[in-house]
């Protein structure tokens, strides 16, 4: 999330950037984020219930993640860690720790998103994990400001279109994914961009992910964000307290 990248602005001739230039800028900005830490709150809502927790997040690309949720008294409720080999999910209330491969299914048991660990880390740090595509089209954004560009990507296979609204400084404002000509089935919104302490960068302090198929919504509101902090390697190792029973994650047909 570096302001050193060239800003996304119309050229003096009035000719805008190309789709390839926008994609290159987004990927360059995301590649500069190797580690990330955040503190704030998370709200998870689905068709059945709504949950609100304080959270602490630490991550290192491409595959190390630690996310801990607390109640309003500051007591830990759950801790999730992930790396290239395993996801571990510690439920303090049930005195259970579940572990298994770092698949999108196992990750979605904690966060209602169909993503890999690397994609989730990119999202939490304010980026958008861009999929492979067959065609890219860029046009002036509609409805989100005069200096906004709309990047439309025809996904490779599946007939999906991904739309990314980008503004100056390579700031992503919104992402929508869905079948061509239909309402989006997934939406991301990045709001409340703020300067980061001690850096010339900005980061979104509010991220909203809405999955219309699952009827779920996830809102992260940060109080503090750090880009590329030094993180101890042991942070991503989860050792359960005494008395905690360790189990494998249930299979896809066995429930959560």
C-alpha atoms as a PDB file:
ATOM      1  CA  UNK A   1       0.000   0.000   0.000  1.00  0.00           C
ATOM      2  CA  UNK A   2       2.604   2.450  -1.153  1.00  0.00           C
ATOM      3  CA  UNK A   3       2.084   6.011  -2.247  1.00  0.00           C
ATOM      4  CA  UNK A   4       5.329   5.640  -4.204  1.00  0.00           C
ATOM      5  CA  UNK A   5       3.278   4.065  -6.999  1.00  0.00           C
ATOM      6  CA  UNK A   6       2.227   6.535  -9.671  1.00  0.00           C
ATOM      7  CA  UNK A   7      -1.244   7.924  -8.906  1.00  0.00           C
ATOM      8  CA  UNK A   8      -4.167   7.019 -11.089  1.00  0.00           C
ATOM      9  CA  UNK A   9      -5.040  10.308 -12.762  1.00  0.00           C
ATOM     10  CA  UNK A  10      -6.196  11.316 -16.252  1.00  0.00           C
ATOM     11  CA  UNK A  11      -3.263  12.237 -18.500  1.00  0.00           C
ATOM     12  CA  UNK A  12      -2.805  15.844 -19.629  1.00  0.00           C
ATOM     13  CA  UNK A  13      -4.059  14.936 -23.088  1.00  0.00           C
ATOM     14  CA  UNK A  14      -7.323  13.718 -21.584  1.00  0.00           C
ATOM     15  CA  UNK A  15      -6.493  10.098 -22.440  1.00  0.00           C
ATOM     16  CA  UNK A  16      -6.881   7.823 -19.439  1.00  0.00           C
ATOM     17  CA  UNK A  17      -4.667   4.916 -18.430  1.00  0.00           C
ATOM     18  CA  UNK A  18      -5.027   1.503 -20.011  1.00  0.00           C
ATOM     19  CA  UNK A  19      -6.518  -1.513 -18.274  1.00  0.00           C
ATOM     20  CA  UNK A  20      -3.080  -3.147 -18.230  1.00  0.00           C
ATOM     21  CA  UNK A  21      -1.576  -0.097 -16.505  1.00  0.00           C
ATOM     22  CA  UNK A  22      -4.242  -0.198 -13.811  1.00  0.00           C
ATOM     23  CA  UNK A  23      -3.728  -3.928 -13.241  1.00  0.00           C
ATOM     24  CA  UNK A  24       0.037  -3.435 -13.039  1.00  0.00           C
ATOM     25  CA  UNK A  25      -0.387  -0.594 -10.529  1.00  0.00           C
ATOM     26  CA  UNK A  26      -2.710  -2.609  -8.305  1.00  0.00           C
ATOM     27  CA  UNK A  27      -0.398  -5.618  -8.334  1.00  0.00           C
ATOM     28  CA  UNK A  28       2.657  -3.486  -7.659  1.00  0.00           C
ATOM     29  CA  UNK A  29       0.991  -1.872  -4.675  1.00  0.00           C
ATOM     30  CA  UNK A  30      -0.139  -5.212  -3.273  1.00  0.00           C
ATOM     31  CA  UNK A  31       3.306  -6.772  -3.772  1.00  0.00           C
ATOM     32  CA  UNK A  32       4.826  -4.117  -1.506  1.00  0.00           C
ATOM     33  CA  UNK A  33       2.763  -5.396   1.452  1.00  0.00           C
ATOM     34  CA  UNK A  34       4.690  -8.342   2.876  1.00  0.00           C
ATOM     35  CA  UNK A  35       3.498  -8.193   6.483  1.00  0.00           C
ATOM     36  CA  UNK A  36       0.436  -6.641   8.055  1.00  0.00           C
ATOM     37  CA  UNK A  37      -1.042  -6.049  11.506  1.00  0.00           C
ATOM     38  CA  UNK A  38      -4.389  -4.587  12.481  1.00  0.00           C
ATOM     39  CA  UNK A  39      -6.500  -4.027  15.571  1.00  0.00           C
ATOM     40  CA  UNK A  40     -10.188  -3.194  15.678  1.00  0.00           C
ATOM     41  CA  UNK A  41     -13.587  -4.862  15.520  1.00  0.00           C
ATOM     42  CA  UNK A  42     -15.347  -7.348  13.302  1.00  0.00           C
ATOM     43  CA  UNK A  43     -19.047  -7.949  12.683  1.00  0.00           C
ATOM     44  CA  UNK A  44     -20.182 -11.194  11.074  1.00  0.00           C
ATOM     45  CA  UNK A  45     -23.785 -11.490   9.952  1.00  0.00           C
ATOM     46  CA  UNK A  46     -25.664 -14.271   8.184  1.00  0.00           C
ATOM     47  CA  UNK A  47     -29.276 -15.363   7.754  1.00  0.00           C
ATOM     48  CA  UNK A  48     -29.331 -16.888  11.241  1.00  0.00           C
ATOM     49  CA  UNK A  49     -27.349 -14.620  13.551  1.00  0.00           C
ATOM     50  CA  UNK A  50     -25.030 -11.674  13.997  1.00  0.00           C
ATOM     51  CA  UNK A  51     -21.774 -11.618  15.977  1.00  0.00           C
ATOM     52  CA  UNK A  52     -19.550  -8.738  17.020  1.00  0.00           C
ATOM     53  CA  UNK A  53     -15.997  -9.114  18.365  1.00  0.00           C
ATOM     54  CA  UNK A  54     -12.866  -7.123  18.992  1.00  0.00           C
ATOM     55  CA  UNK A  55     -10.035  -8.508  16.874  1.00  0.00           C
ATOM     56  CA  UNK A  56      -6.283  -8.518  16.450  1.00  0.00           C
ATOM     57  CA  UNK A  57      -4.809  -9.578  13.096  1.00  0.00           C
ATOM     58  CA  UNK A  58      -1.256 -10.341  12.037  1.00  0.00           C
ATOM     59  CA  UNK A  59      -0.250 -11.750   8.673  1.00  0.00           C
ATOM     60  CA  UNK A  60       2.738 -12.413   6.449  1.00  0.00           C
ATOM     61  CA  UNK A  61       2.462 -13.185   2.763  1.00  0.00           C
ATOM     62  CA  UNK A  62       1.901 -15.572   1.251  1.00  0.00           C
ATOM     63  CA  UNK A  63       0.302 -17.875   3.789  1.00  0.00           C
ATOM     64  CA  UNK A  64       0.821 -17.022   7.479  1.00  0.00           C
ATOM     65  CA  UNK A  65      -2.099 -15.571   9.388  1.00  0.00           C
ATOM     66  CA  UNK A  66      -3.159 -15.079  12.983  1.00  0.00           C
ATOM     67  CA  UNK A  67      -6.589 -13.730  13.864  1.00  0.00           C
ATOM     68  CA  UNK A  68      -7.806 -13.537  17.443  1.00  0.00           C
ATOM     69  CA  UNK A  69     -11.275 -12.488  18.593  1.00  0.00           C
ATOM     70  CA  UNK A  70     -12.162 -11.148  22.062  1.00  0.00           C
ATOM     71  CA  UNK A  71     -15.381 -10.407  23.909  1.00  0.00           C
ATOM     72  CA  UNK A  72     -16.253  -6.946  25.278  1.00  0.00           C
ATOM     73  CA  UNK A  73     -14.338  -7.774  28.483  1.00  0.00           C
ATOM     74  CA  UNK A  74     -11.147  -8.474  26.540  1.00  0.00           C
ATOM     75  CA  UNK A  75     -11.295 -12.229  27.056  1.00  0.00           C
ATOM     76  CA  UNK A  76     -10.182 -14.396  24.108  1.00  0.00           C
ATOM     77  CA  UNK A  77     -12.997 -16.245  22.380  1.00  0.00           C
ATOM     78  CA  UNK A  78     -11.303 -17.861  19.399  1.00  0.00           C
ATOM     79  CA  UNK A  79      -7.889 -17.851  17.774  1.00  0.00           C
ATOM     80  CA  UNK A  80      -7.172 -18.878  14.194  1.00  0.00           C
ATOM     81  CA  UNK A  81      -3.711 -19.453  12.780  1.00  0.00           C
ATOM     82  CA  UNK A  82      -2.790 -20.545   9.275  1.00  0.00           C
ATOM     83  CA  UNK A  83       0.285 -21.350   7.230  1.00  0.00           C
ATOM     84  CA  UNK A  84       1.051 -23.311   4.107  1.00  0.00           C
ATOM     85  CA  UNK A  85       0.510 -26.629   5.867  1.00  0.00           C
ATOM     86  CA  UNK A  86      -2.327 -26.212   8.355  1.00  0.00           C
ATOM     87  CA  UNK A  87      -5.158 -24.151   9.798  1.00  0.00           C
ATOM     88  CA  UNK A  88      -5.739 -24.302  13.542  1.00  0.00           C
ATOM     89  CA  UNK A  89      -8.904 -22.983  15.152  1.00  0.00           C
ATOM     90  CA  UNK A  90      -9.013 -22.746  18.955  1.00  0.00           C
ATOM     91  CA  UNK A  91     -12.440 -22.308  20.541  1.00  0.00           C
ATOM     92  CA  UNK A  92     -11.861 -21.290  24.159  1.00  0.00           C
ATOM     93  CA  UNK A  93     -15.494 -21.710  25.196  1.00  0.00           C
ATOM     94  CA  UNK A  94     -15.713 -25.296  23.944  1.00  0.00           C
ATOM     95  CA  UNK A  95     -12.104 -26.076  24.965  1.00  0.00           C
ATOM     96  CA  UNK A  96     -11.563 -27.519  21.488  1.00  0.00           C
ATOM     97  CA  UNK A  97      -8.930 -26.923  18.865  1.00  0.00           C
ATOM     98  CA  UNK A  98      -9.659 -27.994  15.318  1.00  0.00           C
ATOM     99  CA  UNK A  99      -6.908 -28.447  12.768  1.00  0.00           C
ATOM    100  CA  UNK A 100      -6.687 -29.398   9.124  1.00  0.00           C
ATOM    101  CA  UNK A 101      -5.420 -28.344   5.695  1.00  0.00           C
ATOM    102  CA  UNK A 102      -5.510 -24.606   4.851  1.00  0.00           C
ATOM    103  CA  UNK A 103      -8.397 -24.942   2.421  1.00  0.00           C
ATOM    104  CA  UNK A 104     -11.010 -22.252   1.671  1.00  0.00           C
ATOM    105  CA  UNK A 105     -13.604 -24.539   3.294  1.00  0.00           C
ATOM    106  CA  UNK A 106     -11.754 -24.707   6.598  1.00  0.00           C
ATOM    107  CA  UNK A 107     -11.016 -20.986   6.517  1.00  0.00           C
ATOM    108  CA  UNK A 108     -14.701 -20.208   5.899  1.00  0.00           C
ATOM    109  CA  UNK A 109     -15.618 -21.935   9.165  1.00  0.00           C
ATOM    110  CA  UNK A 110     -14.358 -18.783  10.893  1.00  0.00           C
ATOM    111  CA  UNK A 111     -14.933 -16.134   8.209  1.00  0.00           C
ATOM    112  CA  UNK A 112     -17.814 -16.513   5.701  1.00  0.00           C
ATOM    113  CA  UNK A 113     -15.632 -15.978   2.620  1.00  0.00           C
ATOM    114  CA  UNK A 114     -14.664 -18.387  -0.148  1.00  0.00           C
ATOM    115  CA  UNK A 115     -10.947 -17.514  -0.272  1.00  0.00           C
ATOM    116  CA  UNK A 116      -7.502 -18.952   0.139  1.00  0.00           C
ATOM    117  CA  UNK A 117      -5.302 -17.785   3.008  1.00  0.00           C
ATOM    118  CA  UNK A 118      -3.204 -15.628   0.666  1.00  0.00           C
ATOM    119  CA  UNK A 119      -6.307 -13.990  -0.837  1.00  0.00           C
ATOM    120  CA  UNK A 120      -7.690 -13.248   2.626  1.00  0.00           C
ATOM    121  CA  UNK A 121      -4.417 -11.636   3.719  1.00  0.00           C
ATOM    122  CA  UNK A 122      -4.506  -9.376   0.654  1.00  0.00           C
ATOM    123  CA  UNK A 123      -8.104  -8.385   1.418  1.00  0.00           C
ATOM    124  CA  UNK A 124      -7.427  -7.674   5.113  1.00  0.00           C
ATOM    125  CA  UNK A 125      -4.554  -5.386   4.105  1.00  0.00           C
ATOM    126  CA  UNK A 126      -6.826  -3.366   1.817  1.00  0.00           C
ATOM    127  CA  UNK A 127      -6.044  -5.015  -1.523  1.00  0.00           C
ATOM    128  CA  UNK A 128      -8.024  -7.159  -3.919  1.00  0.00           C
ATOM    129  CA  UNK A 129      -6.787 -10.622  -4.904  1.00  0.00           C
ATOM    130  CA  UNK A 130      -7.188 -10.455  -8.694  1.00  0.00           C
ATOM    131  CA  UNK A 131      -8.115 -13.658 -10.495  1.00  0.00           C
ATOM    132  CA  UNK A 132      -6.938 -14.706 -13.931  1.00  0.00           C
ATOM    133  CA  UNK A 133      -8.967 -13.132 -16.697  1.00  0.00           C
ATOM    134  CA  UNK A 134      -9.582 -13.368 -20.440  1.00  0.00           C
ATOM    135  CA  UNK A 135     -10.359  -9.716 -21.195  1.00  0.00           C
ATOM    136  CA  UNK A 136      -9.877  -6.400 -19.371  1.00  0.00           C
ATOM    137  CA  UNK A 137     -11.773  -3.185 -20.135  1.00  0.00           C
ATOM    138  CA  UNK A 138     -11.277   0.209 -18.469  1.00  0.00           C
ATOM    139  CA  UNK A 139     -13.743   3.089 -18.476  1.00  0.00           C
ATOM    140  CA  UNK A 140     -14.504   6.154 -16.392  1.00  0.00           C
ATOM    141  CA  UNK A 141     -16.221   5.140 -13.184  1.00  0.00           C
ATOM    142  CA  UNK A 142     -19.892   5.910 -12.760  1.00  0.00           C
ATOM    143  CA  UNK A 143     -21.408   7.092  -9.518  1.00  0.00           C
ATOM    144  CA  UNK A 144     -18.214   7.023  -7.404  1.00  0.00           C
ATOM    145  CA  UNK A 145     -16.579  10.321  -8.367  1.00  0.00           C
ATOM    146  CA  UNK A 146     -15.068  12.003 -11.401  1.00  0.00           C
ATOM    147  CA  UNK A 147     -11.549  10.642 -10.767  1.00  0.00           C
ATOM    148  CA  UNK A 148     -12.617   7.007 -10.470  1.00  0.00           C
ATOM    149  CA  UNK A 149     -11.935   4.320 -13.048  1.00  0.00           C
ATOM    150  CA  UNK A 150     -13.936   1.136 -13.522  1.00  0.00           C
ATOM    151  CA  UNK A 151     -11.911  -1.940 -14.437  1.00  0.00           C
ATOM    152  CA  UNK A 152     -14.007  -4.842 -15.779  1.00  0.00           C
ATOM    153  CA  UNK A 153     -12.386  -8.285 -15.960  1.00  0.00           C
ATOM    154  CA  UNK A 154     -13.946 -11.250 -17.735  1.00  0.00           C
ATOM    155  CA  UNK A 155     -12.901 -14.146 -15.523  1.00  0.00           C
ATOM    156  CA  UNK A 156     -11.226 -17.143 -17.128  1.00  0.00           C
ATOM    157  CA  UNK A 157     -13.973 -19.791 -17.211  1.00  0.00           C
ATOM    158  CA  UNK A 158     -17.276 -19.661 -15.392  1.00  0.00           C
ATOM    159  CA  UNK A 159     -18.725 -16.634 -17.180  1.00  0.00           C
ATOM    160  CA  UNK A 160     -18.100 -14.261 -14.237  1.00  0.00           C
ATOM    161  CA  UNK A 161     -17.290 -10.570 -14.514  1.00  0.00           C
ATOM    162  CA  UNK A 162     -15.243  -8.802 -11.855  1.00  0.00           C
ATOM    163  CA  UNK A 163     -15.627  -5.031 -11.615  1.00  0.00           C
ATOM    164  CA  UNK A 164     -13.061  -2.989  -9.686  1.00  0.00           C
ATOM    165  CA  UNK A 165     -13.524   0.738  -8.985  1.00  0.00           C
ATOM    166  CA  UNK A 166     -10.122   2.409  -8.518  1.00  0.00           C
ATOM    167  CA  UNK A 167      -9.287   6.001  -7.661  1.00  0.00           C
ATOM    168  CA  UNK A 168      -6.083   8.052  -7.416  1.00  0.00           C
ATOM    169  CA  UNK A 169      -3.194   6.485  -5.507  1.00  0.00           C
ATOM    170  CA  UNK A 170      -4.419   3.019  -6.572  1.00  0.00           C
ATOM    171  CA  UNK A 171      -7.071   3.091  -3.878  1.00  0.00           C
ATOM    172  CA  UNK A 172      -9.753   0.458  -4.417  1.00  0.00           C
ATOM    173  CA  UNK A 173     -13.223   1.711  -3.571  1.00  0.00           C
ATOM    174  CA  UNK A 174     -15.448  -1.198  -4.567  1.00  0.00           C
ATOM    175  CA  UNK A 175     -15.324  -4.663  -6.118  1.00  0.00           C
ATOM    176  CA  UNK A 176     -18.298  -6.590  -7.519  1.00  0.00           C
ATOM    177  CA  UNK A 177     -18.331 -10.129  -8.914  1.00  0.00           C
ATOM    178  CA  UNK A 178     -21.212 -11.837 -10.680  1.00  0.00           C
ATOM    179  CA  UNK A 179     -22.487 -13.330 -13.935  1.00  0.00           C
ATOM    180  CA  UNK A 180     -22.469 -10.955 -16.886  1.00  0.00           C
ATOM    181  CA  UNK A 181     -25.654  -8.887 -17.095  1.00  0.00           C
ATOM    182  CA  UNK A 182     -26.880  -9.949 -13.645  1.00  0.00           C
ATOM    183  CA  UNK A 183     -26.761  -8.533 -10.144  1.00  0.00           C
ATOM    184  CA  UNK A 184     -23.439  -9.173  -8.346  1.00  0.00           C
ATOM    185  CA  UNK A 185     -23.203 -12.198  -6.096  1.00  0.00           C
ATOM    186  CA  UNK A 186     -20.237 -10.800  -4.129  1.00  0.00           C
ATOM    187  CA  UNK A 187     -19.259  -7.239  -3.200  1.00  0.00           C
ATOM    188  CA  UNK A 188     -16.305  -5.631  -1.419  1.00  0.00           C
ATOM    189  CA  UNK A 189     -16.237  -2.020  -0.230  1.00  0.00           C
ATOM    190  CA  UNK A 190     -13.175  -0.166   1.064  1.00  0.00           C
ATOM    191  CA  UNK A 191     -13.880   2.997   3.059  1.00  0.00           C
ATOM    192  CA  UNK A 192     -12.388   5.462   5.526  1.00  0.00           C
ATOM    193  CA  UNK A 193      -8.895   5.710   4.018  1.00  0.00           C
ATOM    194  CA  UNK A 194      -6.445   7.260   6.478  1.00  0.00           C
ATOM    195  CA  UNK A 195      -2.721   8.073   6.510  1.00  0.00           C
ATOM    196  CA  UNK A 196      -0.582   5.550   8.378  1.00  0.00           C
ATOM    197  CA  UNK A 197       1.601   6.670  11.266  1.00  0.00           C
ATOM    198  CA  UNK A 198       5.221   7.183  10.243  1.00  0.00           C
ATOM    199  CA  UNK A 199       4.550   6.420   6.563  1.00  0.00           C
ATOM    200  CA  UNK A 200       3.366   8.212   3.453  1.00  0.00           C
ATOM    201  CA  UNK A 201       0.821   5.473   2.791  1.00  0.00           C
ATOM    202  CA  UNK A 202      -2.931   5.306   3.258  1.00  0.00           C
ATOM    203  CA  UNK A 203      -5.062   2.319   4.172  1.00  0.00           C
ATOM    204  CA  UNK A 204      -8.801   1.648   4.351  1.00  0.00           C
ATOM    205  CA  UNK A 205      -9.899   1.468   7.984  1.00  0.00           C
ATOM    206  CA  UNK A 206     -13.254  -0.088   7.078  1.00  0.00           C
ATOM    207  CA  UNK A 207     -13.718  -3.124   4.814  1.00  0.00           C
ATOM    208  CA  UNK A 208     -17.113  -4.674   4.048  1.00  0.00           C
ATOM    209  CA  UNK A 209     -17.520  -8.035   2.296  1.00  0.00           C
ATOM    210  CA  UNK A 210     -21.018  -9.137   1.253  1.00  0.00           C
ATOM    211  CA  UNK A 211     -21.764 -12.606  -0.103  1.00  0.00           C
ATOM    212  CA  UNK A 212     -25.269 -12.574  -1.554  1.00  0.00           C
ATOM    213  CA  UNK A 213     -25.320 -16.342  -2.144  1.00  0.00           C
ATOM    214  CA  UNK A 214     -24.594 -17.105   1.498  1.00  0.00           C
ATOM    215  CA  UNK A 215     -26.640 -14.125   2.715  1.00  0.00           C
ATOM    216  CA  UNK A 216     -23.645 -13.164   4.807  1.00  0.00           C
ATOM    217  CA  UNK A 217     -21.780  -9.960   5.513  1.00  0.00           C
ATOM    218  CA  UNK A 218     -18.456  -9.276   7.172  1.00  0.00           C
ATOM    219  CA  UNK A 219     -17.440  -5.790   8.320  1.00  0.00           C
ATOM    220  CA  UNK A 220     -13.971  -5.003   9.665  1.00  0.00           C
ATOM    221  CA  UNK A 221     -13.394  -1.623  11.310  1.00  0.00           C
ATOM    222  CA  UNK A 222      -9.775  -0.967  12.199  1.00  0.00           C
ATOM    223  CA  UNK A 223      -8.547   1.255  15.003  1.00  0.00           C
ATOM    224  CA  UNK A 224      -4.901   0.693  14.074  1.00  0.00           C
ATOM    225  CA  UNK A 225      -3.170  -0.557  10.933  1.00  0.00           C
ATOM    226  CA  UNK A 226       0.531  -1.312  10.394  1.00  0.00           C
ATOM    227  CA  UNK A 227       2.106  -2.154   7.051  1.00  0.00           C
ATOM    228  CA  UNK A 228       5.285  -4.273   6.954  1.00  0.00           C
ATOM    229  CA  UNK A 229       5.885  -4.478  10.727  1.00  0.00           C
ATOM    230  CA  UNK A 230       8.386  -6.966  12.105  1.00  0.00           C
ATOM    231  CA  UNK A 231       6.447 -10.046  13.231  1.00  0.00           C
ATOM    232  CA  UNK A 232       7.945 -12.842  15.355  1.00  0.00           C
ATOM    233  CA  UNK A 233       7.768 -16.229  13.558  1.00  0.00           C
ATOM    234  CA  UNK A 234       6.265 -17.879  16.642  1.00  0.00           C
ATOM    235  CA  UNK A 235       3.192 -15.674  16.301  1.00  0.00           C
ATOM    236  CA  UNK A 236       1.752 -18.098  13.762  1.00  0.00           C
ATOM    237  CA  UNK A 237       2.219 -21.187  15.939  1.00  0.00           C
ATOM    238  CA  UNK A 238      -0.848 -22.006  18.014  1.00  0.00           C
ATOM    239  CA  UNK A 239      -0.214 -24.100  21.113  1.00  0.00           C
ATOM    240  CA  UNK A 240      -3.449 -25.006  22.942  1.00  0.00           C
ATOM    241  CA  UNK A 241      -3.754 -24.549  26.709  1.00  0.00           C
ATOM    242  CA  UNK A 242      -3.838 -27.574  28.958  1.00  0.00           C
ATOM    243  CA  UNK A 243      -7.118 -29.441  28.863  1.00  0.00           C
ATOM    244  CA  UNK A 244      -8.024 -28.475  25.298  1.00  0.00           C
ATOM    245  CA  UNK A 245      -9.093 -31.383  23.123  1.00  0.00           C
ATOM    246  CA  UNK A 246      -7.585 -31.458  19.617  1.00  0.00           C
ATOM    247  CA  UNK A 247      -9.746 -32.671  16.739  1.00  0.00           C
ATOM    248  CA  UNK A 248      -9.634 -32.696  12.954  1.00  0.00           C
ATOM    249  CA  UNK A 249     -11.953 -30.374  11.086  1.00  0.00           C
ATOM    250  CA  UNK A 250     -15.138 -32.202  10.076  1.00  0.00           C
ATOM    251  CA  UNK A 251     -15.465 -33.177   6.445  1.00  0.00           C
ATOM    252  CA  UNK A 252     -17.513 -31.094   3.962  1.00  0.00           C
ATOM    253  CA  UNK A 253     -20.595 -33.260   4.564  1.00  0.00           C
ATOM    254  CA  UNK A 254     -20.281 -33.384   8.349  1.00  0.00           C
ATOM    255  CA  UNK A 255     -21.290 -29.817   9.205  1.00  0.00           C
ATOM    256  CA  UNK A 256     -19.273 -27.013  10.784  1.00  0.00           C
END
